[in-house]
């Protein structure tokens, strides 16, 4: 038996297409099994960041993409924040 590891970024168009194609071709085929990697199987390092922090960063990225940002005036930072 041979095991092959392929790293696929499922957020990309090509990654989604590859996963869909491989599932369509190989699902239920005897002798071929698609296995989700377990921790550490694909050279993954444990994250040094807490899951709460990661979620905050992802939410901030989404807000930036939507244009929901705050611009600070360096001459009046408190006023820019509405704290004056």
PDB file of N, CA and C in Angstrom:
ATOM      1  N   UNK A   1       0.851  -1.176   0.000  1.00  0.00           N
ATOM      2  CA  UNK A   1       0.000   0.000   0.000  1.00  0.00           C
ATOM      3  C   UNK A   1       0.890   1.230   0.000  1.00  0.00           C
ATOM      4  N   UNK A   2       0.520   2.233  -0.767  1.00  0.00           N
ATOM      5  CA  UNK A   2       1.238   3.493  -0.846  1.00  0.00           C
ATOM      6  C   UNK A   2       0.342   4.604  -0.333  1.00  0.00           C
ATOM      7  N   UNK A   3       0.906   5.457   0.505  1.00  0.00           N
ATOM      8  CA  UNK A   3       0.169   6.612   1.006  1.00  0.00           C
ATOM      9  C   UNK A   3       0.798   7.859   0.432  1.00  0.00           C
ATOM     10  N   UNK A   4      -0.035   8.721  -0.142  1.00  0.00           N
ATOM     11  CA  UNK A   4       0.432   9.971  -0.720  1.00  0.00           C
ATOM     12  C   UNK A   4      -0.248  11.117   0.022  1.00  0.00           C
ATOM     13  N   UNK A   5       0.533  12.114   0.384  1.00  0.00           N
ATOM     14  CA  UNK A   5      -0.014  13.289   1.055  1.00  0.00           C
ATOM     15  C   UNK A   5      -0.026  14.451   0.070  1.00  0.00           C
ATOM     16  N   UNK A   6      -1.188  15.064  -0.095  1.00  0.00           N
ATOM     17  CA  UNK A   6      -1.339  16.226  -0.963  1.00  0.00           C
ATOM     18  C   UNK A   6      -1.933  17.342  -0.119  1.00  0.00           C
ATOM     19  N   UNK A   7      -1.290  18.491  -0.123  1.00  0.00           N
ATOM     20  CA  UNK A   7      -1.797  19.637   0.635  1.00  0.00           C
ATOM     21  C   UNK A   7      -2.644  20.482  -0.310  1.00  0.00           C
ATOM     22  N   UNK A   8      -3.915  20.689   0.032  1.00  0.00           N
ATOM     23  CA  UNK A   8      -4.854  21.410  -0.817  1.00  0.00           C
ATOM     24  C   UNK A   8      -5.438  22.576  -0.034  1.00  0.00           C
ATOM     25  N   UNK A   9      -5.372  23.752  -0.618  1.00  0.00           N
ATOM     26  CA  UNK A   9      -6.004  24.924  -0.004  1.00  0.00           C
ATOM     27  C   UNK A   9      -7.453  24.948  -0.483  1.00  0.00           C
ATOM     28  N   UNK A  10      -8.356  24.489   0.372  1.00  0.00           N
ATOM     29  CA  UNK A  10      -9.760  24.359  -0.012  1.00  0.00           C
ATOM     30  C   UNK A  10     -10.477  25.693  -0.166  1.00  0.00           C
ATOM     31  N   UNK A  11      -9.790  26.805   0.115  1.00  0.00           N
ATOM     32  CA  UNK A  11     -10.403  28.122  -0.050  1.00  0.00           C
ATOM     33  C   UNK A  11     -10.222  28.643  -1.476  1.00  0.00           C
ATOM     34  N   UNK A  12      -9.332  28.004  -2.254  1.00  0.00           N
ATOM     35  CA  UNK A  12      -9.084  28.466  -3.614  1.00  0.00           C
ATOM     36  C   UNK A  12      -9.998  27.753  -4.596  1.00  0.00           C
ATOM     37  N   UNK A  13     -10.149  28.357  -5.757  1.00  0.00           N
ATOM     38  CA  UNK A  13     -10.980  27.766  -6.805  1.00  0.00           C
ATOM     39  C   UNK A  13     -10.408  26.415  -7.239  1.00  0.00           C
ATOM     40  N   UNK A  14      -9.101  26.354  -7.430  1.00  0.00           N
ATOM     41  CA  UNK A  14      -8.459  25.108  -7.850  1.00  0.00           C
ATOM     42  C   UNK A  14      -8.573  24.036  -6.768  1.00  0.00           C
ATOM     43  N   UNK A  15      -8.416  24.435  -5.522  1.00  0.00           N
ATOM     44  CA  UNK A  15      -8.532  23.482  -4.420  1.00  0.00           C
ATOM     45  C   UNK A  15      -9.927  22.896  -4.322  1.00  0.00           C
ATOM     46  N   UNK A  16     -10.941  23.755  -4.439  1.00  0.00           N
ATOM     47  CA  UNK A  16     -12.326  23.282  -4.399  1.00  0.00           C
ATOM     48  C   UNK A  16     -12.605  22.335  -5.560  1.00  0.00           C
ATOM     49  N   UNK A  17     -12.101  22.691  -6.747  1.00  0.00           N
ATOM     50  CA  UNK A  17     -12.320  21.857  -7.925  1.00  0.00           C
ATOM     51  C   UNK A  17     -11.635  20.504  -7.768  1.00  0.00           C
ATOM     52  N   UNK A  18     -10.410  20.513  -7.237  1.00  0.00           N
ATOM     53  CA  UNK A  18      -9.686  19.257  -7.051  1.00  0.00           C
ATOM     54  C   UNK A  18     -10.402  18.351  -6.058  1.00  0.00           C
ATOM     55  N   UNK A  19     -10.875  18.923  -4.962  1.00  0.00           N
ATOM     56  CA  UNK A  19     -11.579  18.118  -3.971  1.00  0.00           C
ATOM     57  C   UNK A  19     -12.872  17.542  -4.544  1.00  0.00           C
ATOM     58  N   UNK A  20     -13.606  18.348  -5.287  1.00  0.00           N
ATOM     59  CA  UNK A  20     -14.852  17.880  -5.892  1.00  0.00           C
ATOM     60  C   UNK A  20     -14.580  16.768  -6.900  1.00  0.00           C
ATOM     61  N   UNK A  21     -13.544  16.958  -7.720  1.00  0.00           N
ATOM     62  CA  UNK A  21     -13.201  15.958  -8.721  1.00  0.00           C
ATOM     63  C   UNK A  21     -12.760  14.648  -8.074  1.00  0.00           C
ATOM     64  N   UNK A  22     -11.881  14.738  -7.082  1.00  0.00           N
ATOM     65  CA  UNK A  22     -11.386  13.518  -6.447  1.00  0.00           C
ATOM     66  C   UNK A  22     -12.499  12.781  -5.712  1.00  0.00           C
ATOM     67  N   UNK A  23     -13.409  13.525  -5.091  1.00  0.00           N
ATOM     68  CA  UNK A  23     -14.517  12.870  -4.410  1.00  0.00           C
ATOM     69  C   UNK A  23     -15.440  12.184  -5.418  1.00  0.00           C
ATOM     70  N   UNK A  24     -15.682  12.837  -6.546  1.00  0.00           N
ATOM     71  CA  UNK A  24     -16.550  12.252  -7.570  1.00  0.00           C
ATOM     72  C   UNK A  24     -15.928  11.000  -8.174  1.00  0.00           C
ATOM     73  N   UNK A  25     -14.625  11.034  -8.427  1.00  0.00           N
ATOM     74  CA  UNK A  25     -13.967   9.897  -9.067  1.00  0.00           C
ATOM     75  C   UNK A  25     -13.712   8.733  -8.114  1.00  0.00           C
ATOM     76  N   UNK A  26     -13.350   9.021  -6.865  1.00  0.00           N
ATOM     77  CA  UNK A  26     -12.849   7.979  -5.987  1.00  0.00           C
ATOM     78  C   UNK A  26     -13.764   7.579  -4.845  1.00  0.00           C
ATOM     79  N   UNK A  27     -14.898   8.247  -4.671  1.00  0.00           N
ATOM     80  CA  UNK A  27     -15.796   7.900  -3.576  1.00  0.00           C
ATOM     81  C   UNK A  27     -16.405   6.520  -3.839  1.00  0.00           C
ATOM     82  N   UNK A  28     -16.231   5.635  -2.904  1.00  0.00           N
ATOM     83  CA  UNK A  28     -16.796   4.297  -3.013  1.00  0.00           C
ATOM     84  C   UNK A  28     -15.983   3.335  -3.859  1.00  0.00           C
ATOM     85  N   UNK A  29     -14.834   3.767  -4.374  1.00  0.00           N
ATOM     86  CA  UNK A  29     -13.991   2.890  -5.180  1.00  0.00           C
ATOM     87  C   UNK A  29     -13.163   2.026  -4.244  1.00  0.00           C
ATOM     88  N   UNK A  30     -13.206   0.736  -4.451  1.00  0.00           N
ATOM     89  CA  UNK A  30     -12.463  -0.181  -3.602  1.00  0.00           C
ATOM     90  C   UNK A  30     -10.975  -0.033  -3.870  1.00  0.00           C
ATOM     91  N   UNK A  31     -10.200   0.093  -2.815  1.00  0.00           N
ATOM     92  CA  UNK A  31      -8.759   0.208  -2.943  1.00  0.00           C
ATOM     93  C   UNK A  31      -8.248   1.632  -2.850  1.00  0.00           C
ATOM     94  N   UNK A  32      -9.148   2.613  -2.898  1.00  0.00           N
ATOM     95  CA  UNK A  32      -8.746   4.019  -2.764  1.00  0.00           C
ATOM     96  C   UNK A  32      -9.561   4.635  -1.649  1.00  0.00           C
ATOM     97  N   UNK A  33      -8.872   5.272  -0.728  1.00  0.00           N
ATOM     98  CA  UNK A  33      -9.542   5.881   0.413  1.00  0.00           C
ATOM     99  C   UNK A  33      -9.023   7.302   0.588  1.00  0.00           C
ATOM    100  N   UNK A  34      -9.916   8.257   0.677  1.00  0.00           N
ATOM    101  CA  UNK A  34      -9.533   9.647   0.948  1.00  0.00           C
ATOM    102  C   UNK A  34      -9.613   9.844   2.449  1.00  0.00           C
ATOM    103  N   UNK A  35      -8.480  10.191   3.047  1.00  0.00           N
ATOM    104  CA  UNK A  35      -8.379  10.291   4.499  1.00  0.00           C
ATOM    105  C   UNK A  35      -8.035  11.718   4.877  1.00  0.00           C
ATOM    106  N   UNK A  36      -8.789  12.286   5.818  1.00  0.00           N
ATOM    107  CA  UNK A  36      -8.468  13.602   6.349  1.00  0.00           C
ATOM    108  C   UNK A  36      -7.240  13.455   7.243  1.00  0.00           C
ATOM    109  N   UNK A  37      -6.282  14.369   7.114  1.00  0.00           N
ATOM    110  CA  UNK A  37      -5.076  14.249   7.937  1.00  0.00           C
ATOM    111  C   UNK A  37      -5.389  14.488   9.411  1.00  0.00           C
ATOM    112  N   UNK A  38      -4.681  13.791  10.256  1.00  0.00           N
ATOM    113  CA  UNK A  38      -4.784  14.038  11.686  1.00  0.00           C
ATOM    114  C   UNK A  38      -3.684  15.016  12.058  1.00  0.00           C
ATOM    115  N   UNK A  39      -3.755  15.565  13.245  1.00  0.00           N
ATOM    116  CA  UNK A  39      -2.799  16.564  13.692  1.00  0.00           C
ATOM    117  C   UNK A  39      -1.372  16.066  13.510  1.00  0.00           C
ATOM    118  N   UNK A  40      -0.535  16.896  12.929  1.00  0.00           N
ATOM    119  CA  UNK A  40       0.875  16.591  12.788  1.00  0.00           C
ATOM    120  C   UNK A  40       1.203  15.762  11.565  1.00  0.00           C
ATOM    121  N   UNK A  41       0.195  15.295  10.849  1.00  0.00           N
ATOM    122  CA  UNK A  41       0.444  14.408   9.723  1.00  0.00           C
ATOM    123  C   UNK A  41       1.011  15.159   8.519  1.00  0.00           C
ATOM    124  N   UNK A  42       0.704  16.438   8.391  1.00  0.00           N
ATOM    125  CA  UNK A  42       1.139  17.209   7.232  1.00  0.00           C
ATOM    126  C   UNK A  42       2.046  18.347   7.691  1.00  0.00           C
ATOM    127  N   UNK A  43       2.980  18.042   8.560  1.00  0.00           N
ATOM    128  CA  UNK A  43       3.936  19.029   9.066  1.00  0.00           C
ATOM    129  C   UNK A  43       3.241  20.236   9.682  1.00  0.00           C
ATOM    130  N   UNK A  44       2.143  20.021  10.352  1.00  0.00           N
ATOM    131  CA  UNK A  44       1.428  21.115  10.985  1.00  0.00           C
ATOM    132  C   UNK A  44       2.014  21.372  12.367  1.00  0.00           C
ATOM    133  N   UNK A  45       2.185  22.622  12.669  1.00  0.00           N
ATOM    134  CA  UNK A  45       2.675  23.034  13.975  1.00  0.00           C
ATOM    135  C   UNK A  45       1.479  23.470  14.825  1.00  0.00           C
ATOM    136  N   UNK A  46       1.505  23.204  16.113  1.00  0.00           N
ATOM    137  CA  UNK A  46       0.425  23.722  16.953  1.00  0.00           C
ATOM    138  C   UNK A  46       0.482  25.241  16.955  1.00  0.00           C
ATOM    139  N   UNK A  47      -0.664  25.875  16.915  1.00  0.00           N
ATOM    140  CA  UNK A  47      -0.722  27.324  16.869  1.00  0.00           C
ATOM    141  C   UNK A  47      -0.352  27.910  18.231  1.00  0.00           C
ATOM    142  N   UNK A  48       0.413  28.985  18.191  1.00  0.00           N
ATOM    143  CA  UNK A  48       0.773  29.661  19.439  1.00  0.00           C
ATOM    144  C   UNK A  48      -0.314  30.656  19.832  1.00  0.00           C
ATOM    145  N   UNK A  49      -1.309  30.838  18.943  1.00  0.00           N
ATOM    146  CA  UNK A  49      -2.366  31.803  19.181  1.00  0.00           C
ATOM    147  C   UNK A  49      -3.623  31.107  19.691  1.00  0.00           C
ATOM    148  N   UNK A  50      -4.336  31.770  20.593  1.00  0.00           N
ATOM    149  CA  UNK A  50      -5.587  31.215  21.101  1.00  0.00           C
ATOM    150  C   UNK A  50      -6.646  31.286  20.006  1.00  0.00           C
ATOM    151  N   UNK A  51      -7.616  30.415  20.068  1.00  0.00           N
ATOM    152  CA  UNK A  51      -8.669  30.389  19.055  1.00  0.00           C
ATOM    153  C   UNK A  51      -9.490  31.684  19.073  1.00  0.00           C
ATOM    154  N   UNK A  52      -9.636  32.301  20.241  1.00  0.00           N
ATOM    155  CA  UNK A  52     -10.368  33.558  20.330  1.00  0.00           C
ATOM    156  C   UNK A  52      -9.639  34.660  19.548  1.00  0.00           C
ATOM    157  N   UNK A  53      -8.312  34.696  19.693  1.00  0.00           N
ATOM    158  CA  UNK A  53      -7.522  35.696  18.986  1.00  0.00           C
ATOM    159  C   UNK A  53      -7.606  35.479  17.475  1.00  0.00           C
ATOM    160  N   UNK A  54      -7.520  34.233  17.041  1.00  0.00           N
ATOM    161  CA  UNK A  54      -7.597  33.914  15.615  1.00  0.00           C
ATOM    162  C   UNK A  54      -8.940  34.368  15.046  1.00  0.00           C
ATOM    163  N   UNK A  55     -10.023  34.139  15.788  1.00  0.00           N
ATOM    164  CA  UNK A  55     -11.348  34.570  15.329  1.00  0.00           C
ATOM    165  C   UNK A  55     -11.430  36.093  15.224  1.00  0.00           C
ATOM    166  N   UNK A  56     -10.832  36.815  16.186  1.00  0.00           N
ATOM    167  CA  UNK A  56     -10.831  38.279  16.140  1.00  0.00           C
ATOM    168  C   UNK A  56     -10.084  38.782  14.905  1.00  0.00           C
ATOM    169  N   UNK A  57      -8.960  38.153  14.591  1.00  0.00           N
ATOM    170  CA  UNK A  57      -8.184  38.563  13.430  1.00  0.00           C
ATOM    171  C   UNK A  57      -8.967  38.295  12.148  1.00  0.00           C
ATOM    172  N   UNK A  58      -9.614  37.126  12.059  1.00  0.00           N
ATOM    173  CA  UNK A  58     -10.414  36.804  10.874  1.00  0.00           C
ATOM    174  C   UNK A  58     -11.570  37.791  10.710  1.00  0.00           C
ATOM    175  N   UNK A  59     -12.205  38.165  11.824  1.00  0.00           N
ATOM    176  CA  UNK A  59     -13.309  39.126  11.762  1.00  0.00           C
ATOM    177  C   UNK A  59     -12.793  40.492  11.324  1.00  0.00           C
ATOM    178  N   UNK A  60     -11.619  40.880  11.817  1.00  0.00           N
ATOM    179  CA  UNK A  60     -11.030  42.154  11.420  1.00  0.00           C
ATOM    180  C   UNK A  60     -10.715  42.154   9.923  1.00  0.00           C
ATOM    181  N   UNK A  61     -10.207  41.038   9.402  1.00  0.00           N
ATOM    182  CA  UNK A  61      -9.926  40.936   7.968  1.00  0.00           C
ATOM    183  C   UNK A  61     -11.202  41.104   7.150  1.00  0.00           C
ATOM    184  N   UNK A  62     -12.284  40.485   7.608  1.00  0.00           N
ATOM    185  CA  UNK A  62     -13.567  40.613   6.911  1.00  0.00           C
ATOM    186  C   UNK A  62     -14.040  42.061   6.921  1.00  0.00           C
ATOM    187  N   UNK A  63     -13.903  42.727   8.061  1.00  0.00           N
ATOM    188  CA  UNK A  63     -14.319  44.128   8.171  1.00  0.00           C
ATOM    189  C   UNK A  63     -13.491  45.025   7.257  1.00  0.00           C
ATOM    190  N   UNK A  64     -12.202  44.734   7.142  1.00  0.00           N
ATOM    191  CA  UNK A  64     -11.340  45.530   6.261  1.00  0.00           C
ATOM    192  C   UNK A  64     -11.783  45.352   4.814  1.00  0.00           C
ATOM    193  N   UNK A  65     -12.089  44.112   4.421  1.00  0.00           N
ATOM    194  CA  UNK A  65     -12.552  43.849   3.055  1.00  0.00           C
ATOM    195  C   UNK A  65     -13.865  44.573   2.760  1.00  0.00           C
ATOM    196  N   UNK A  66     -14.715  44.714   3.781  1.00  0.00           N
ATOM    197  CA  UNK A  66     -15.994  45.404   3.619  1.00  0.00           C
ATOM    198  C   UNK A  66     -15.826  46.928   3.660  1.00  0.00           C
ATOM    199  N   UNK A  67     -14.636  47.394   4.022  1.00  0.00           N
ATOM    200  CA  UNK A  67     -14.392  48.833   4.130  1.00  0.00           C
ATOM    201  C   UNK A  67     -14.805  49.409   5.463  1.00  0.00           C
ATOM    202  N   UNK A  68     -15.056  48.556   6.433  1.00  0.00           N
ATOM    203  CA  UNK A  68     -15.466  49.013   7.763  1.00  0.00           C
ATOM    204  C   UNK A  68     -14.218  49.211   8.626  1.00  0.00           C
ATOM    205  N   UNK A  69     -13.562  50.357   8.421  1.00  0.00           N
ATOM    206  CA  UNK A  69     -12.355  50.659   9.178  1.00  0.00           C
ATOM    207  C   UNK A  69     -12.467  52.044   9.803  1.00  0.00           C
ATOM    208  N   UNK A  70     -11.584  52.311  10.735  1.00  0.00           N
ATOM    209  CA  UNK A  70     -11.532  53.620  11.373  1.00  0.00           C
ATOM    210  C   UNK A  70     -10.221  54.286  10.989  1.00  0.00           C
ATOM    211  N   UNK A  71     -10.302  55.515  10.506  1.00  0.00           N
ATOM    212  CA  UNK A  71      -9.109  56.275  10.137  1.00  0.00           C
ATOM    213  C   UNK A  71      -8.795  57.249  11.261  1.00  0.00           C
ATOM    214  N   UNK A  72      -7.556  57.209  11.704  1.00  0.00           N
ATOM    215  CA  UNK A  72      -7.133  58.089  12.793  1.00  0.00           C
ATOM    216  C   UNK A  72      -6.407  59.302  12.246  1.00  0.00           C
ATOM    217  N   UNK A  73      -6.715  60.447  12.814  1.00  0.00           N
ATOM    218  CA  UNK A  73      -5.997  61.671  12.506  1.00  0.00           C
ATOM    219  C   UNK A  73      -4.843  61.752  13.497  1.00  0.00           C
ATOM    220  N   UNK A  74      -3.603  61.704  13.035  1.00  0.00           N
ATOM    221  CA  UNK A  74      -2.476  61.710  13.977  1.00  0.00           C
ATOM    222  C   UNK A  74      -2.378  62.985  14.804  1.00  0.00           C
ATOM    223  N   UNK A  75      -3.009  64.064  14.321  1.00  0.00           N
ATOM    224  CA  UNK A  75      -2.980  65.312  15.085  1.00  0.00           C
ATOM    225  C   UNK A  75      -4.076  65.357  16.151  1.00  0.00           C
ATOM    226  N   UNK A  76      -5.079  64.497  16.036  1.00  0.00           N
ATOM    227  CA  UNK A  76      -6.182  64.486  16.990  1.00  0.00           C
ATOM    228  C   UNK A  76      -6.710  63.043  17.154  1.00  0.00           C
ATOM    229  N   UNK A  77      -5.876  62.202  17.752  1.00  0.00           N
ATOM    230  CA  UNK A  77      -6.231  60.781  17.883  1.00  0.00           C
ATOM    231  C   UNK A  77      -7.487  60.609  18.732  1.00  0.00           C
ATOM    232  N   UNK A  78      -7.580  61.272  19.860  1.00  0.00           N
ATOM    233  CA  UNK A  78      -8.752  61.118  20.733  1.00  0.00           C
ATOM    234  C   UNK A  78     -10.022  61.567  20.036  1.00  0.00           C
ATOM    235  N   UNK A  79      -9.931  62.653  19.299  1.00  0.00           N
ATOM    236  CA  UNK A  79     -11.098  63.140  18.568  1.00  0.00           C
ATOM    237  C   UNK A  79     -11.497  62.168  17.449  1.00  0.00           C
ATOM    238  N   UNK A  80     -10.503  61.544  16.803  1.00  0.00           N
ATOM    239  CA  UNK A  80     -10.779  60.570  15.750  1.00  0.00           C
ATOM    240  C   UNK A  80     -11.570  59.373  16.278  1.00  0.00           C
ATOM    241  N   UNK A  81     -11.310  59.051  17.542  1.00  0.00           N
ATOM    242  CA  UNK A  81     -11.976  57.915  18.172  1.00  0.00           C
ATOM    243  C   UNK A  81     -13.298  58.317  18.828  1.00  0.00           C
ATOM    244  N   UNK A  82     -13.611  59.597  18.787  1.00  0.00           N
ATOM    245  CA  UNK A  82     -14.843  60.077  19.413  1.00  0.00           C
ATOM    246  C   UNK A  82     -14.746  60.119  20.919  1.00  0.00           C
ATOM    247  N   UNK A  83     -13.541  60.267  21.450  1.00  0.00           N
ATOM    248  CA  UNK A  83     -13.344  60.262  22.891  1.00  0.00           C
ATOM    249  C   UNK A  83     -12.977  61.625  23.438  1.00  0.00           C
ATOM    250  N   UNK A  84     -13.194  62.670  22.677  1.00  0.00           N
ATOM    251  CA  UNK A  84     -12.824  64.007  23.117  1.00  0.00           C
ATOM    252  C   UNK A  84     -14.028  64.738  23.668  1.00  0.00           C
TER     253      UNK A  84
END
